């Protein structure tokens, strides 16, 4: 059955079962949920880093030490794997030096230990083709960093922001 067929069947069932007023309130939410699930499927996969701009400045701004920054910038191989199991998503960052992963549900705060060892509370939201992650410091509640991942059929562009520092990392989907 096509997605349109699912919409049509669900609409007919819901209209009869719920009544016209309740249906008009519930059905748009149902359509949004189906649409979000379709978009979630488009972000899943493995991505290779192909370009990085101002990443050292970003790492310095968020407090990553000199040696860790130099090691991170020296690695030429970086992959990101995004997977889903039910409502649970996982983003796994893999380099020759270190691997980290964060498991999360959309729109729910989750505790994360970043690759450089910081503990943050992250919230992920999905809007269209953009997955936004907002990190808030646990030890330093004034710390806020945003990672905006925009997806295309070719790959992903991650824009990392902390205060007035912006880095852009481009990945190719493999």
C-alpha atoms as a PDB file:
ATOM      1  CA  UNK A   1       0.000   0.000   0.000  1.00  0.00           C
ATOM      2  CA  UNK A   2       1.309   3.456  -0.826  1.00  0.00           C
ATOM      3  CA  UNK A   3       1.685   6.253   1.725  1.00  0.00           C
ATOM      4  CA  UNK A   4      -1.276   7.968   0.072  1.00  0.00           C
ATOM      5  CA  UNK A   5      -3.268   4.747   0.528  1.00  0.00           C
ATOM      6  CA  UNK A   6      -2.392   4.674   4.217  1.00  0.00           C
ATOM      7  CA  UNK A   7      -3.518   8.301   4.577  1.00  0.00           C
ATOM      8  CA  UNK A   8      -6.804   7.561   2.786  1.00  0.00           C
ATOM      9  CA  UNK A   9      -7.512   4.392   4.805  1.00  0.00           C
ATOM     10  CA  UNK A  10      -6.611   6.077   8.084  1.00  0.00           C
ATOM     11  CA  UNK A  11      -8.732   9.088   7.236  1.00  0.00           C
ATOM     12  CA  UNK A  12     -11.788   6.970   6.417  1.00  0.00           C
ATOM     13  CA  UNK A  13     -11.393   4.844   9.561  1.00  0.00           C
ATOM     14  CA  UNK A  14     -10.724   7.847  11.808  1.00  0.00           C
ATOM     15  CA  UNK A  15     -13.611   9.906  10.425  1.00  0.00           C
ATOM     16  CA  UNK A  16     -16.058   7.040  11.100  1.00  0.00           C
ATOM     17  CA  UNK A  17     -14.598   6.110  14.490  1.00  0.00           C
ATOM     18  CA  UNK A  18     -13.807   9.512  15.971  1.00  0.00           C
ATOM     19  CA  UNK A  19     -16.453  11.726  14.457  1.00  0.00           C
ATOM     20  CA  UNK A  20     -15.808  14.791  12.298  1.00  0.00           C
ATOM     21  CA  UNK A  21     -14.741  17.213  15.069  1.00  0.00           C
ATOM     22  CA  UNK A  22     -12.232  14.899  16.776  1.00  0.00           C
ATOM     23  CA  UNK A  23     -10.998  13.716  13.373  1.00  0.00           C
ATOM     24  CA  UNK A  24     -10.230  17.291  12.297  1.00  0.00           C
ATOM     25  CA  UNK A  25      -8.084  17.702  15.430  1.00  0.00           C
ATOM     26  CA  UNK A  26      -6.310  14.328  15.364  1.00  0.00           C
ATOM     27  CA  UNK A  27      -5.693  13.655  11.675  1.00  0.00           C
ATOM     28  CA  UNK A  28      -3.251  16.566  11.063  1.00  0.00           C
ATOM     29  CA  UNK A  29      -1.122  15.271  13.961  1.00  0.00           C
ATOM     30  CA  UNK A  30      -1.193  11.779  12.487  1.00  0.00           C
ATOM     31  CA  UNK A  31      -0.078  13.120   9.088  1.00  0.00           C
ATOM     32  CA  UNK A  32       2.751  15.063  10.740  1.00  0.00           C
ATOM     33  CA  UNK A  33       3.903  11.889  12.533  1.00  0.00           C
ATOM     34  CA  UNK A  34       3.910   9.888   9.280  1.00  0.00           C
ATOM     35  CA  UNK A  35       5.790  12.703   7.544  1.00  0.00           C
ATOM     36  CA  UNK A  36       8.392  12.862  10.358  1.00  0.00           C
ATOM     37  CA  UNK A  37       8.938   9.094  10.118  1.00  0.00           C
ATOM     38  CA  UNK A  38       9.469   9.352   6.343  1.00  0.00           C
ATOM     39  CA  UNK A  39      12.038  12.139   6.884  1.00  0.00           C
ATOM     40  CA  UNK A  40      13.746  10.156   9.648  1.00  0.00           C
ATOM     41  CA  UNK A  41      14.328   7.361   7.127  1.00  0.00           C
ATOM     42  CA  UNK A  42      16.155   9.845   4.866  1.00  0.00           C
ATOM     43  CA  UNK A  43      18.729  10.794   7.517  1.00  0.00           C
ATOM     44  CA  UNK A  44      19.724   7.216   8.345  1.00  0.00           C
ATOM     45  CA  UNK A  45      23.002   5.895   6.967  1.00  0.00           C
ATOM     46  CA  UNK A  46      26.773   6.275   7.035  1.00  0.00           C
ATOM     47  CA  UNK A  47      28.551   9.492   6.149  1.00  0.00           C
ATOM     48  CA  UNK A  48      32.253  10.171   5.404  1.00  0.00           C
ATOM     49  CA  UNK A  49      33.788  13.531   6.285  1.00  0.00           C
ATOM     50  CA  UNK A  50      34.996  15.262   3.108  1.00  0.00           C
ATOM     51  CA  UNK A  51      35.566  18.865   4.248  1.00  0.00           C
ATOM     52  CA  UNK A  52      35.966  20.725   7.524  1.00  0.00           C
ATOM     53  CA  UNK A  53      36.090  24.489   7.991  1.00  0.00           C
ATOM     54  CA  UNK A  54      36.979  26.278  11.270  1.00  0.00           C
ATOM     55  CA  UNK A  55      36.600  23.105  13.343  1.00  0.00           C
ATOM     56  CA  UNK A  56      39.739  23.926  15.369  1.00  0.00           C
ATOM     57  CA  UNK A  57      38.269  27.340  16.280  1.00  0.00           C
ATOM     58  CA  UNK A  58      35.021  25.675  17.339  1.00  0.00           C
ATOM     59  CA  UNK A  59      36.817  23.096  19.498  1.00  0.00           C
ATOM     60  CA  UNK A  60      38.875  25.853  21.145  1.00  0.00           C
ATOM     61  CA  UNK A  61      35.711  27.879  21.813  1.00  0.00           C
ATOM     62  CA  UNK A  62      33.983  24.945  23.554  1.00  0.00           C
ATOM     63  CA  UNK A  63      37.055  24.320  25.724  1.00  0.00           C
ATOM     64  CA  UNK A  64      38.851  21.419  24.028  1.00  0.00           C
ATOM     65  CA  UNK A  65      42.527  21.434  25.005  1.00  0.00           C
ATOM     66  CA  UNK A  66      45.397  22.051  22.567  1.00  0.00           C
ATOM     67  CA  UNK A  67      46.624  18.422  22.325  1.00  0.00           C
ATOM     68  CA  UNK A  68      43.136  16.981  21.838  1.00  0.00           C
ATOM     69  CA  UNK A  69      42.429  19.592  19.136  1.00  0.00           C
ATOM     70  CA  UNK A  70      45.642  18.773  17.278  1.00  0.00           C
ATOM     71  CA  UNK A  71      44.924  15.039  17.421  1.00  0.00           C
ATOM     72  CA  UNK A  72      41.334  15.584  16.228  1.00  0.00           C
ATOM     73  CA  UNK A  73      42.489  17.772  13.342  1.00  0.00           C
ATOM     74  CA  UNK A  74      45.227  15.339  12.310  1.00  0.00           C
ATOM     75  CA  UNK A  75      42.841  12.477  11.611  1.00  0.00           C
ATOM     76  CA  UNK A  76      41.817  12.323   7.973  1.00  0.00           C
ATOM     77  CA  UNK A  77      39.233   9.588   8.422  1.00  0.00           C
ATOM     78  CA  UNK A  78      35.944  10.420  10.144  1.00  0.00           C
ATOM     79  CA  UNK A  79      32.606   8.671   9.775  1.00  0.00           C
ATOM     80  CA  UNK A  80      29.178   9.314  11.224  1.00  0.00           C
ATOM     81  CA  UNK A  81      26.591   6.531  11.382  1.00  0.00           C
ATOM     82  CA  UNK A  82      22.968   7.399  12.078  1.00  0.00           C
ATOM     83  CA  UNK A  83      20.599   4.531  12.887  1.00  0.00           C
ATOM     84  CA  UNK A  84      17.126   4.060  14.296  1.00  0.00           C
ATOM     85  CA  UNK A  85      15.407   1.348  16.318  1.00  0.00           C
ATOM     86  CA  UNK A  86      11.771   2.237  16.912  1.00  0.00           C
ATOM     87  CA  UNK A  87      11.714   5.725  18.457  1.00  0.00           C
ATOM     88  CA  UNK A  88      15.380   5.463  19.489  1.00  0.00           C
ATOM     89  CA  UNK A  89      18.086   7.032  17.318  1.00  0.00           C
ATOM     90  CA  UNK A  90      21.849   6.567  17.567  1.00  0.00           C
ATOM     91  CA  UNK A  91      24.557   8.833  16.181  1.00  0.00           C
ATOM     92  CA  UNK A  92      27.931   7.122  16.217  1.00  0.00           C
ATOM     93  CA  UNK A  93      31.038   9.200  15.437  1.00  0.00           C
ATOM     94  CA  UNK A  94      34.023   7.091  14.419  1.00  0.00           C
ATOM     95  CA  UNK A  95      37.613   8.254  13.970  1.00  0.00           C
ATOM     96  CA  UNK A  96      40.981   6.514  14.121  1.00  0.00           C
ATOM     97  CA  UNK A  97      41.489   8.030  17.568  1.00  0.00           C
ATOM     98  CA  UNK A  98      38.146   7.532  19.237  1.00  0.00           C
ATOM     99  CA  UNK A  99      34.546   6.428  18.778  1.00  0.00           C
ATOM    100  CA  UNK A 100      31.576   7.927  20.570  1.00  0.00           C
ATOM    101  CA  UNK A 101      27.853   7.477  20.334  1.00  0.00           C
ATOM    102  CA  UNK A 102      24.771   9.181  21.613  1.00  0.00           C
ATOM    103  CA  UNK A 103      21.372   7.481  21.844  1.00  0.00           C
ATOM    104  CA  UNK A 104      18.307   9.684  21.908  1.00  0.00           C
ATOM    105  CA  UNK A 105      14.618  10.151  21.225  1.00  0.00           C
ATOM    106  CA  UNK A 106      13.469  13.192  19.312  1.00  0.00           C
ATOM    107  CA  UNK A 107      12.349  16.134  21.478  1.00  0.00           C
ATOM    108  CA  UNK A 108      13.637  14.539  24.698  1.00  0.00           C
ATOM    109  CA  UNK A 109      16.655  15.637  26.704  1.00  0.00           C
ATOM    110  CA  UNK A 110      19.368  12.983  27.019  1.00  0.00           C
ATOM    111  CA  UNK A 111      22.697  12.885  28.832  1.00  0.00           C
ATOM    112  CA  UNK A 112      25.689  12.696  26.489  1.00  0.00           C
ATOM    113  CA  UNK A 113      29.429  12.372  26.960  1.00  0.00           C
ATOM    114  CA  UNK A 114      31.097  14.127  24.020  1.00  0.00           C
ATOM    115  CA  UNK A 115      34.239  12.862  22.248  1.00  0.00           C
ATOM    116  CA  UNK A 116      36.341  15.255  24.335  1.00  0.00           C
ATOM    117  CA  UNK A 117      34.794  13.988  27.599  1.00  0.00           C
ATOM    118  CA  UNK A 118      32.364  16.823  28.385  1.00  0.00           C
ATOM    119  CA  UNK A 119      29.025  15.847  29.908  1.00  0.00           C
ATOM    120  CA  UNK A 120      26.101  17.694  28.371  1.00  0.00           C
ATOM    121  CA  UNK A 121      22.348  17.423  28.124  1.00  0.00           C
ATOM    122  CA  UNK A 122      21.376  17.169  24.455  1.00  0.00           C
ATOM    123  CA  UNK A 123      17.992  17.658  22.846  1.00  0.00           C
ATOM    124  CA  UNK A 124      17.453  16.619  19.225  1.00  0.00           C
ATOM    125  CA  UNK A 125      14.665  17.949  17.006  1.00  0.00           C
ATOM    126  CA  UNK A 126      13.845  17.050  13.419  1.00  0.00           C
ATOM    127  CA  UNK A 127      12.328  19.694  11.158  1.00  0.00           C
ATOM    128  CA  UNK A 128      12.105  18.778   7.492  1.00  0.00           C
ATOM    129  CA  UNK A 129      15.602  17.753   6.367  1.00  0.00           C
ATOM    130  CA  UNK A 130      17.335  19.304   9.401  1.00  0.00           C
ATOM    131  CA  UNK A 131      18.295  17.494  12.600  1.00  0.00           C
ATOM    132  CA  UNK A 132      19.184  20.053  15.279  1.00  0.00           C
ATOM    133  CA  UNK A 133      21.052  19.144  18.442  1.00  0.00           C
ATOM    134  CA  UNK A 134      21.261  21.609  21.321  1.00  0.00           C
ATOM    135  CA  UNK A 135      23.892  20.778  23.940  1.00  0.00           C
ATOM    136  CA  UNK A 136      23.683  22.352  27.402  1.00  0.00           C
ATOM    137  CA  UNK A 137      26.463  21.998  29.942  1.00  0.00           C
ATOM    138  CA  UNK A 138      25.822  19.979  33.085  1.00  0.00           C
ATOM    139  CA  UNK A 139      28.725  21.390  35.128  1.00  0.00           C
ATOM    140  CA  UNK A 140      28.388  24.799  33.459  1.00  0.00           C
ATOM    141  CA  UNK A 141      24.683  25.495  32.782  1.00  0.00           C
ATOM    142  CA  UNK A 142      25.596  28.637  30.804  1.00  0.00           C
ATOM    143  CA  UNK A 143      27.341  26.471  28.161  1.00  0.00           C
ATOM    144  CA  UNK A 144      25.219  26.062  25.011  1.00  0.00           C
ATOM    145  CA  UNK A 145      26.305  24.664  21.661  1.00  0.00           C
ATOM    146  CA  UNK A 146      24.165  23.880  18.626  1.00  0.00           C
ATOM    147  CA  UNK A 147      24.838  21.325  15.889  1.00  0.00           C
ATOM    148  CA  UNK A 148      22.556  21.656  12.891  1.00  0.00           C
ATOM    149  CA  UNK A 149      22.721  18.722  10.466  1.00  0.00           C
ATOM    150  CA  UNK A 150      21.121  19.352   7.054  1.00  0.00           C
ATOM    151  CA  UNK A 151      20.582  16.299   4.872  1.00  0.00           C
ATOM    152  CA  UNK A 152      20.477  16.012   1.097  1.00  0.00           C
ATOM    153  CA  UNK A 153      20.530  13.026  -1.219  1.00  0.00           C
ATOM    154  CA  UNK A 154      24.333  13.510  -1.497  1.00  0.00           C
ATOM    155  CA  UNK A 155      25.128  13.771   2.200  1.00  0.00           C
ATOM    156  CA  UNK A 156      25.025  15.989   5.248  1.00  0.00           C
ATOM    157  CA  UNK A 157      26.308  19.429   6.190  1.00  0.00           C
ATOM    158  CA  UNK A 158      26.843  19.917   9.924  1.00  0.00           C
ATOM    159  CA  UNK A 159      27.036  23.492  11.198  1.00  0.00           C
ATOM    160  CA  UNK A 160      28.451  23.704  14.724  1.00  0.00           C
ATOM    161  CA  UNK A 161      27.884  26.914  16.704  1.00  0.00           C
ATOM    162  CA  UNK A 162      29.087  28.128  20.086  1.00  0.00           C
ATOM    163  CA  UNK A 163      28.701  31.822  20.898  1.00  0.00           C
ATOM    164  CA  UNK A 164      30.062  33.646  17.837  1.00  0.00           C
ATOM    165  CA  UNK A 165      32.178  30.740  16.513  1.00  0.00           C
ATOM    166  CA  UNK A 166      30.820  28.684  13.613  1.00  0.00           C
ATOM    167  CA  UNK A 167      32.352  25.583  12.021  1.00  0.00           C
ATOM    168  CA  UNK A 168      31.045  23.685   9.008  1.00  0.00           C
ATOM    169  CA  UNK A 169      31.715  19.998   8.338  1.00  0.00           C
ATOM    170  CA  UNK A 170      30.579  18.389   5.093  1.00  0.00           C
ATOM    171  CA  UNK A 171      29.935  14.655   4.772  1.00  0.00           C
ATOM    172  CA  UNK A 172      29.231  12.420   1.794  1.00  0.00           C
ATOM    173  CA  UNK A 173      26.651   9.654   2.198  1.00  0.00           C
ATOM    174  CA  UNK A 174      28.112   6.239   1.429  1.00  0.00           C
END
